[in-house]
Amino acid sequence: MSRKSTFAALLLLPSFSFAATVLSSPPELDNKSYVLMDYQTGQVLASKNENEKLAPASMTKMMTSYIVEQKLLKGEITENENVRMNESSWCRGNRSESCMFVPLNGTATVMQMLRGIIIQSGNDSAKAMAEHIAGNEGTFAHMMNQEAKRIGMSNTNFINSTGLPADGHYSTAKDMALLAEHIIRDSAKYYPIYSEKEFTFNNIKQGNRNPLLYTDPTVDGLKTGHTNEAGYCLTTSSKRGPMRLITVIFGAPSVNARADQTRALLAWGYANYETVKVKPANQSLQNVKVWFGTENEVPAGLAEDFSVTMPKGQAGDIKTNLQLSSSINAPLKKGQVIGKLVASLDGKVISEKPVVALQAVEEAGFFSRMIDHIKQFFSNLF
């Protein structure tokens, strides 16, 4: 196998699996679909119909807000630039749908529009931002689908930016959980908006529709949704200590039911699982031989903390195995992948993390490299 192929193989992570353990059964919920996912590992801890394609209603706006946030972070739009409310986006004073109520031909800043999308679930603000970024909502929907594909939402197709009913507009509980994970991680600067309880614009104060924000201090997002077709939907994130759980509910029968079902899933998840730190970041796991460099060794470690979520009571049984590339050659950049650390439980792999060079190593001079070539040749004979 070539060096390039070896490095590529090191980055391929297997699916998660846990050793058999005694867990209480997940709650039985009256809805169309649900997922309980661990944020740290992306592992689905409990689910029902997790890949069934269903109408996501206003949970669609999570992708709309995610694109706005990413455009802001890349500098392609700015927080204070004005966004015009065209007639094609205007709510016309209609209180039968969720709106931010920006006046016709009026403007609001990008940040005001973003809050309108996230907190007020404004169809008008979502469409106005879609037109501002892409020219029209159809082109923006294409951008949404490109982003969905990029982050691995394999069973999702968006027709609009709002989640209003449309043929061919669908997602799944698992895909929405994945989107929530990316919002929390990739849009960390703007994620606190998802926990804001109210927003006032045009002298109209509206509260966040997620009732768990008012009753559970561990909940900090994300988005509700409802249409007659979709039923009552809710994507939620909760963090207790080092553990963060994401829940997605599709098609609950009522506002109260979707909240109660979310509480039940979170309670079950926290009662049965825990997140433990296997190894910290930026700590040398081993000094590793480097060929053709100004240094003979480089400290190998993790670029980020290695934590796993697992059934409670088994943390002490985790085993780790450091696996390094067969030949590590200079020049070597700090942060370059040179192996992986594998965590296992009862002989079964539960998670892996790339191992990186904690320091850079420059390439040595010609004669030093020649000596290393000779040494490497003879070492490969034995």
Protein backbone atom coordinates (compact mmCIF):
# COMPACT_ATOMS: atom_id res chain seq x y z
CA MET A 1 0.00 0.00 0.00
CA SER A 2 1.35 3.45 -0.86
CA ARG A 3 2.05 6.04 1.83
CA LYS A 4 -0.85 8.15 0.54
CA SER A 5 -3.19 5.16 0.65
CA THR A 6 -1.99 4.29 4.15
CA PHE A 7 -2.77 7.77 5.44
CA ALA A 8 -6.19 7.73 3.73
CA ALA A 9 -6.97 4.38 5.32
CA LEU A 10 -6.13 5.76 8.75
CA LEU A 11 -8.90 8.30 8.43
CA LEU A 12 -11.62 5.78 7.66
CA LEU A 13 -13.60 5.27 10.84
CA PRO A 14 -15.74 2.14 11.42
CA SER A 15 -19.31 2.31 12.59
CA PHE A 16 -19.76 2.37 16.36
CA SER A 17 -20.74 -0.73 18.28
CA PHE A 18 -20.89 -1.35 22.01
CA ALA A 19 -20.38 -4.52 23.95
CA ALA A 20 -23.53 -6.12 25.27
CA THR A 21 -24.77 -4.47 28.44
CA VAL A 22 -27.98 -4.23 30.39
CA LEU A 23 -29.88 -1.09 29.42
CA SER A 24 -33.45 -0.13 30.16
CA SER A 25 -35.64 -0.08 27.07
CA PRO A 26 -36.04 3.27 25.29
CA PRO A 27 -39.43 4.92 25.81
CA GLU A 28 -42.25 4.00 23.44
CA LEU A 29 -43.36 7.22 21.77
CA ASP A 30 -46.47 8.15 19.80
CA ASN A 31 -44.87 9.81 16.79
CA LYS A 32 -43.87 9.07 13.21
CA SER A 33 -40.13 8.99 13.81
CA TYR A 34 -37.50 9.91 16.35
CA VAL A 35 -33.75 9.84 17.02
CA LEU A 36 -31.67 10.21 20.15
CA MET A 37 -28.07 10.88 19.11
CA ASP A 38 -24.86 11.48 21.01
CA TYR A 39 -23.25 14.71 19.81
CA GLN A 40 -19.69 13.69 20.62
CA THR A 41 -19.61 10.49 18.54
CA GLY A 42 -22.62 10.85 16.27
CA GLN A 43 -23.87 7.49 17.53
CA VAL A 44 -27.63 6.90 17.49
CA LEU A 45 -28.55 5.69 20.97
CA ALA A 46 -32.24 5.10 20.29
CA SER A 47 -34.50 5.55 17.29
CA LYS A 48 -37.72 4.74 15.49
CA ASN A 49 -37.99 4.98 11.70
CA GLU A 50 -34.83 7.10 11.73
CA ASN A 51 -34.43 7.01 7.93
CA GLU A 52 -38.09 7.46 6.98
CA LYS A 53 -38.54 10.43 4.65
CA LEU A 54 -41.03 12.84 6.20
CA ALA A 55 -42.05 16.49 5.96
CA PRO A 56 -39.78 18.43 8.34
CA ALA A 57 -41.96 21.57 8.52
CA SER A 58 -40.07 24.54 10.00
CA MET A 59 -37.14 22.38 11.11
CA THR A 60 -36.18 23.09 7.48
CA LYS A 61 -35.12 26.54 8.66
CA MET A 62 -32.18 24.92 10.47
CA MET A 63 -30.54 24.50 7.06
CA THR A 64 -31.51 28.05 6.09
CA SER A 65 -29.95 29.47 9.24
CA TYR A 66 -26.91 27.20 8.88
CA ILE A 67 -26.18 28.57 5.41
CA VAL A 68 -26.60 32.15 6.65
CA GLU A 69 -24.21 31.44 9.54
CA GLN A 70 -21.61 29.87 7.28
CA LYS A 71 -21.82 32.80 4.85
CA LEU A 72 -21.22 35.14 7.79
CA LEU A 73 -18.25 33.14 9.04
CA LYS A 74 -16.70 33.13 5.57
CA GLY A 75 -17.17 36.89 5.21
CA GLU A 76 -19.46 36.51 2.18
CA ILE A 77 -22.13 38.54 3.98
CA THR A 78 -21.86 40.82 7.01
CA GLU A 79 -23.91 41.03 10.19
CA ASN A 80 -25.07 44.63 9.64
CA GLU A 81 -25.82 44.61 5.93
CA ASN A 82 -29.47 45.32 5.12
CA VAL A 83 -31.79 42.72 3.62
CA ARG A 84 -34.84 43.92 1.69
CA MET A 85 -38.30 42.43 2.20
CA ASN A 86 -39.62 41.93 -1.32
CA GLU A 87 -43.26 41.21 -2.09
CA SER A 88 -42.38 37.58 -2.86
CA SER A 89 -41.22 37.14 0.78
CA TRP A 90 -43.62 39.47 2.59
CA CYS A 91 -46.12 37.98 5.04
CA ARG A 92 -48.82 40.55 4.14
CA GLY A 93 -49.74 40.89 7.79
CA ASN A 94 -50.89 37.28 7.80
CA ARG A 95 -50.90 35.83 11.30
CA SER A 96 -51.90 32.36 10.12
CA GLU A 97 -48.22 31.59 9.51
CA SER A 98 -45.09 32.28 11.52
CA CYS A 99 -43.62 35.63 10.52
CA MET A 100 -41.04 38.16 11.62
CA PHE A 101 -43.31 40.92 10.20
CA VAL A 102 -40.76 42.98 8.31
CA PRO A 103 -42.78 45.62 6.37
CA LEU A 104 -43.09 45.35 2.60
CA ASN A 105 -40.03 46.97 0.96
CA GLY A 106 -38.59 47.51 4.42
CA THR A 107 -35.22 46.21 5.52
CA ALA A 108 -33.65 44.37 8.43
CA THR A 109 -30.03 43.50 9.05
CA VAL A 110 -28.70 40.01 8.45
CA MET A 111 -28.49 39.42 12.21
CA GLN A 112 -32.08 40.55 12.70
CA MET A 113 -33.18 38.25 9.90
CA LEU A 114 -31.19 35.38 11.42
CA ARG A 115 -32.93 35.87 14.76
CA GLY A 116 -36.23 36.08 12.92
CA ILE A 117 -35.55 32.69 11.34
CA ILE A 118 -34.32 30.95 14.49
CA ILE A 119 -36.43 32.49 17.27
CA GLN A 120 -39.62 33.59 15.52
CA SER A 121 -39.49 30.89 12.82
CA GLY A 122 -40.32 33.62 10.32
CA ASN A 123 -41.24 32.41 6.87
CA ASP A 124 -40.74 35.96 5.63
CA SER A 125 -37.24 36.26 7.07
CA ALA A 126 -36.26 32.83 5.71
CA LYS A 127 -37.42 33.69 2.20
CA ALA A 128 -35.89 37.18 2.33
CA MET A 129 -32.49 35.74 3.28
CA ALA A 130 -32.81 33.09 0.56
CA GLU A 131 -33.42 35.80 -2.04
CA HIS A 132 -30.66 38.00 -0.61
CA ILE A 133 -28.08 35.21 -0.84
CA ALA A 134 -29.14 33.37 -3.98
CA GLY A 135 -31.38 35.73 -5.92
CA ASN A 136 -34.46 33.53 -5.59
CA GLU A 137 -35.73 30.81 -3.30
CA GLY A 138 -35.39 28.03 -5.88
CA THR A 139 -31.69 28.67 -6.34
CA PHE A 140 -31.27 28.86 -2.57
CA ALA A 141 -33.01 25.47 -2.21
CA HIS A 142 -30.38 24.07 -4.58
CA MET A 143 -27.71 25.47 -2.26
CA MET A 144 -29.48 23.83 0.68
CA ASN A 145 -29.38 20.47 -1.05
CA GLN A 146 -25.70 20.88 -1.88
CA GLU A 147 -24.95 21.58 1.78
CA ALA A 148 -27.10 18.64 2.85
CA LYS A 149 -25.12 16.35 0.56
CA ARG A 150 -21.81 17.77 1.76
CA ILE A 151 -22.48 17.05 5.42
CA GLY A 152 -23.95 13.61 4.78
CA MET A 153 -27.72 14.18 4.87
CA SER A 154 -28.35 11.37 2.41
CA ASN A 155 -32.15 11.17 2.71
CA THR A 156 -33.06 14.84 2.47
CA ASN A 157 -34.38 17.06 -0.32
CA PHE A 158 -35.38 20.69 0.12
CA ILE A 159 -37.77 22.55 -2.19
CA ASN A 160 -37.95 25.78 -0.19
CA SER A 161 -36.28 27.64 2.67
CA THR A 162 -39.22 27.57 5.08
CA GLY A 163 -40.60 24.05 5.32
CA LEU A 164 -44.01 25.00 3.96
CA PRO A 165 -45.62 21.90 2.38
CA ALA A 166 -44.24 21.05 -1.08
CA ASP A 167 -44.06 17.86 -3.11
CA GLY A 168 -40.61 16.33 -2.82
CA HIS A 169 -39.66 18.31 0.30
CA TYR A 170 -38.53 15.82 2.94
CA SER A 171 -35.92 14.84 5.48
CA THR A 172 -35.40 12.23 8.19
CA ALA A 173 -34.87 12.22 11.93
CA LYS A 174 -31.30 11.01 11.50
CA ASP A 175 -30.49 13.69 8.90
CA MET A 176 -31.93 16.45 11.08
CA ALA A 177 -29.84 15.23 14.03
CA LEU A 178 -26.77 15.39 11.79
CA LEU A 179 -27.65 18.95 10.75
CA ALA A 180 -28.07 19.93 14.40
CA GLU A 181 -24.61 18.50 15.13
CA HIS A 182 -23.07 20.64 12.38
CA ILE A 183 -24.85 23.79 13.54
CA ILE A 184 -23.54 23.31 17.09
CA ARG A 185 -19.99 22.59 15.91
CA ASP A 186 -19.57 24.67 12.73
CA SER A 187 -21.65 27.68 13.77
CA ALA A 188 -20.49 27.88 17.39
CA LYS A 189 -20.24 31.68 17.20
CA TYR A 190 -23.95 31.98 16.41
CA TYR A 191 -25.27 28.90 18.21
CA PRO A 192 -26.26 30.85 21.38
CA ILE A 193 -29.06 32.48 19.34
CA TYR A 194 -30.86 29.12 19.34
CA SER A 195 -31.34 29.40 23.11
CA GLU A 196 -32.67 32.98 23.10
CA LYS A 197 -36.21 32.98 24.45
CA GLU A 198 -37.63 35.99 22.63
CA PHE A 199 -36.98 38.54 19.90
CA THR A 200 -38.61 41.89 19.19
CA PHE A 201 -38.78 43.44 15.74
CA ASN A 202 -41.11 46.12 14.40
CA ASN A 203 -42.43 46.52 17.99
CA ILE A 204 -43.65 42.92 17.91
CA LYS A 205 -42.20 40.66 20.61
CA GLN A 206 -42.39 36.95 19.95
CA GLY A 207 -41.19 34.06 22.09
CA ASN A 208 -39.18 31.06 21.06
CA ARG A 209 -41.53 28.18 20.31
CA ASN A 210 -39.34 25.57 22.02
CA PRO A 211 -40.95 25.12 25.48
CA LEU A 212 -37.97 23.18 26.84
CA LEU A 213 -35.89 26.37 26.81
CA TYR A 214 -38.14 27.66 29.60
CA THR A 215 -38.25 24.48 31.71
CA ASP A 216 -34.88 22.72 31.28
CA PRO A 217 -31.70 24.77 31.80
CA THR A 218 -29.63 22.09 30.04
CA VAL A 219 -31.50 22.66 26.75
CA ASP A 220 -29.92 25.26 24.43
CA GLY A 221 -31.64 24.72 21.05
CA LEU A 222 -32.67 24.12 18.33
CA LYS A 223 -35.95 24.33 16.31
CA THR A 224 -39.64 23.50 16.30
CA GLY A 225 -41.84 22.73 13.31
CA HIS A 226 -45.50 22.16 12.55
CA THR A 227 -47.81 21.78 9.57
CA ASN A 228 -50.93 19.66 9.22
CA GLU A 229 -48.97 17.25 7.05
CA ALA A 230 -45.91 17.02 9.28
CA GLY A 231 -47.54 17.07 12.68
CA TYR A 232 -45.58 18.53 15.58
CA CYS A 233 -41.81 18.32 15.20
CA LEU A 234 -38.88 19.34 17.38
CA THR A 235 -35.09 19.17 17.23
CA THR A 236 -33.46 19.68 20.62
CA SER A 237 -29.97 19.76 22.09
CA SER A 238 -29.18 19.31 25.77
CA LYS A 239 -25.81 19.38 27.53
CA ARG A 240 -25.18 17.98 31.00
CA GLY A 241 -21.54 17.98 32.06
CA PRO A 242 -19.36 16.61 29.25
CA MET A 243 -22.28 14.88 27.55
CA ARG A 244 -24.47 16.49 24.88
CA LEU A 245 -27.50 14.72 23.44
CA ILE A 246 -29.52 15.64 20.36
CA THR A 247 -33.14 14.57 19.91
CA VAL A 248 -35.38 14.83 16.86
CA ILE A 249 -39.13 14.23 16.93
CA PHE A 250 -41.23 13.94 13.75
CA GLY A 251 -45.02 13.83 13.78
CA ALA A 252 -46.02 14.06 17.43
CA PRO A 253 -49.77 14.60 17.94
CA SER A 254 -49.54 17.90 19.87
CA VAL A 255 -47.30 20.69 21.14
CA ASN A 256 -47.24 19.16 24.62
CA ALA A 257 -46.59 15.66 23.27
CA ARG A 258 -43.48 16.66 21.33
CA ALA A 259 -42.08 18.37 24.44
CA ASP A 260 -42.90 15.46 26.74
CA GLN A 261 -41.44 12.96 24.28
CA THR A 262 -38.23 14.97 24.08
CA ARG A 263 -37.99 15.05 27.88
CA ALA A 264 -38.49 11.28 27.99
CA LEU A 265 -35.73 10.64 25.44
CA LEU A 266 -33.27 12.94 27.22
CA ALA A 267 -34.05 11.38 30.60
CA TRP A 268 -33.49 7.88 29.19
CA GLY A 269 -30.26 8.86 27.46
CA TYR A 270 -28.71 10.51 30.50
CA ALA A 271 -29.83 7.66 32.78
CA ASN A 272 -28.23 4.95 30.63
CA TYR A 273 -25.16 6.52 29.01
CA GLU A 274 -22.16 8.63 30.00
CA THR A 275 -19.40 10.46 28.13
CA VAL A 276 -15.89 9.73 29.34
CA LYS A 277 -12.56 11.19 28.25
CA VAL A 278 -10.24 8.49 26.92
CA LYS A 279 -7.21 10.72 26.29
CA PRO A 280 -6.69 14.51 26.36
CA ALA A 281 -5.56 16.61 23.41
CA ASN A 282 -2.01 17.89 22.85
CA GLN A 283 -0.42 15.30 25.14
CA SER A 284 2.35 13.06 23.83
CA LEU A 285 1.25 9.45 23.57
CA GLN A 286 4.62 8.27 22.27
CA ASN A 287 7.75 9.61 20.62
CA VAL A 288 7.77 8.29 17.07
CA LYS A 289 10.72 7.63 14.72
CA VAL A 290 10.99 10.12 11.85
CA TRP A 291 13.07 9.43 8.74
CA PHE A 292 14.94 12.06 6.72
CA GLY A 293 14.37 14.85 9.24
CA THR A 294 16.33 17.33 11.28
CA GLU A 295 14.91 15.50 14.31
CA ASN A 296 14.94 11.73 14.77
CA GLU A 297 11.67 11.62 16.70
CA VAL A 298 8.40 13.52 16.95
CA PRO A 299 5.81 13.42 19.77
CA ALA A 300 2.54 11.88 18.58
CA GLY A 301 -0.78 12.89 20.14
CA LEU A 302 -4.36 13.96 19.57
CA ALA A 303 -5.44 17.27 18.05
CA GLU A 304 -8.62 17.23 20.17
CA ASP A 305 -9.85 15.44 23.27
CA PHE A 306 -10.81 11.83 22.65
CA SER A 307 -14.11 11.15 24.42
CA VAL A 308 -16.58 8.32 23.95
CA THR A 309 -20.17 7.88 24.99
CA MET A 310 -21.00 4.44 26.32
CA PRO A 311 -23.32 2.56 28.67
CA LYS A 312 -22.77 3.62 32.26
CA GLY A 313 -20.39 1.64 34.45
CA GLN A 314 -18.03 0.42 31.73
CA ALA A 315 -15.52 3.27 31.50
CA GLY A 316 -12.86 1.35 33.41
CA ASP A 317 -12.90 -1.45 30.84
CA ILE A 318 -11.93 0.72 27.84
CA LYS A 319 -8.67 -0.33 26.16
CA THR A 320 -6.66 1.84 23.76
CA ASN A 321 -4.29 0.85 20.98
CA LEU A 322 -1.97 3.30 19.22
CA GLN A 323 -1.57 2.43 15.53
CA LEU A 324 1.03 4.36 13.55
CA SER A 325 1.85 4.64 9.88
CA SER A 326 4.57 2.16 8.88
CA SER A 327 6.97 4.92 7.79
CA ILE A 328 6.86 8.54 8.94
CA ASN A 329 9.02 10.80 6.77
CA ALA A 330 10.06 14.44 6.99
CA PRO A 331 9.13 17.09 6.13
CA LEU A 332 6.34 16.76 8.67
CA LYS A 333 3.83 19.47 9.49
CA LYS A 334 2.47 20.07 12.96
CA GLY A 335 -0.98 18.47 13.01
CA GLN A 336 -0.22 16.06 10.17
CA VAL A 337 -1.96 12.69 10.61
CA ILE A 338 0.52 9.91 11.36
CA GLY A 339 -1.74 7.24 12.83
CA LYS A 340 -4.81 6.62 14.94
CA LEU A 341 -5.78 5.79 18.50
CA VAL A 342 -8.35 3.01 18.76
CA ALA A 343 -10.63 2.60 21.78
CA SER A 344 -12.23 -0.80 22.34
CA LEU A 345 -14.48 -2.50 24.86
CA ASP A 346 -14.43 -6.26 25.30
CA GLY A 347 -12.51 -6.58 22.05
CA LYS A 348 -14.95 -4.47 20.03
CA VAL A 349 -13.93 -1.12 18.55
CA ILE A 350 -16.11 1.68 19.89
CA SER A 351 -14.32 4.73 18.48
CA GLU A 352 -11.12 6.01 16.85
CA LYS A 353 -9.33 9.35 16.59
CA PRO A 354 -6.56 10.42 14.20
CA VAL A 355 -3.15 10.78 15.84
CA VAL A 356 -1.08 13.73 14.66
CA ALA A 357 2.45 15.07 14.91
CA LEU A 358 2.52 17.53 17.80
CA GLN A 359 5.54 19.31 16.33
CA ALA A 360 6.82 20.09 12.85
CA VAL A 361 9.99 18.37 11.61
CA GLU A 362 11.98 19.93 8.78
CA GLU A 363 13.66 17.86 6.08
CA ALA A 364 17.33 17.13 6.77
CA GLY A 365 20.22 17.89 4.43
CA PHE A 366 21.27 15.67 1.53
CA PHE A 367 23.89 13.57 3.33
CA SER A 368 21.71 12.98 6.39
CA ARG A 369 18.87 11.84 4.11
CA MET A 370 21.22 9.47 2.28
CA ILE A 371 22.30 7.89 5.57
CA ASP A 372 18.62 7.45 6.55
CA HIS A 373 17.88 5.85 3.16
CA ILE A 374 20.60 3.29 3.83
CA LYS A 375 19.35 2.67 7.40
CA GLN A 376 15.76 2.35 6.18
CA PHE A 377 16.79 -0.11 3.45
CA PHE A 378 18.48 -2.45 5.92
CA SER A 379 15.73 -2.09 8.52
CA ASN A 380 13.18 -3.23 5.94
CA LEU A 381 15.17 -6.40 5.35
CA PHE A 382 14.52 -7.64 8.84
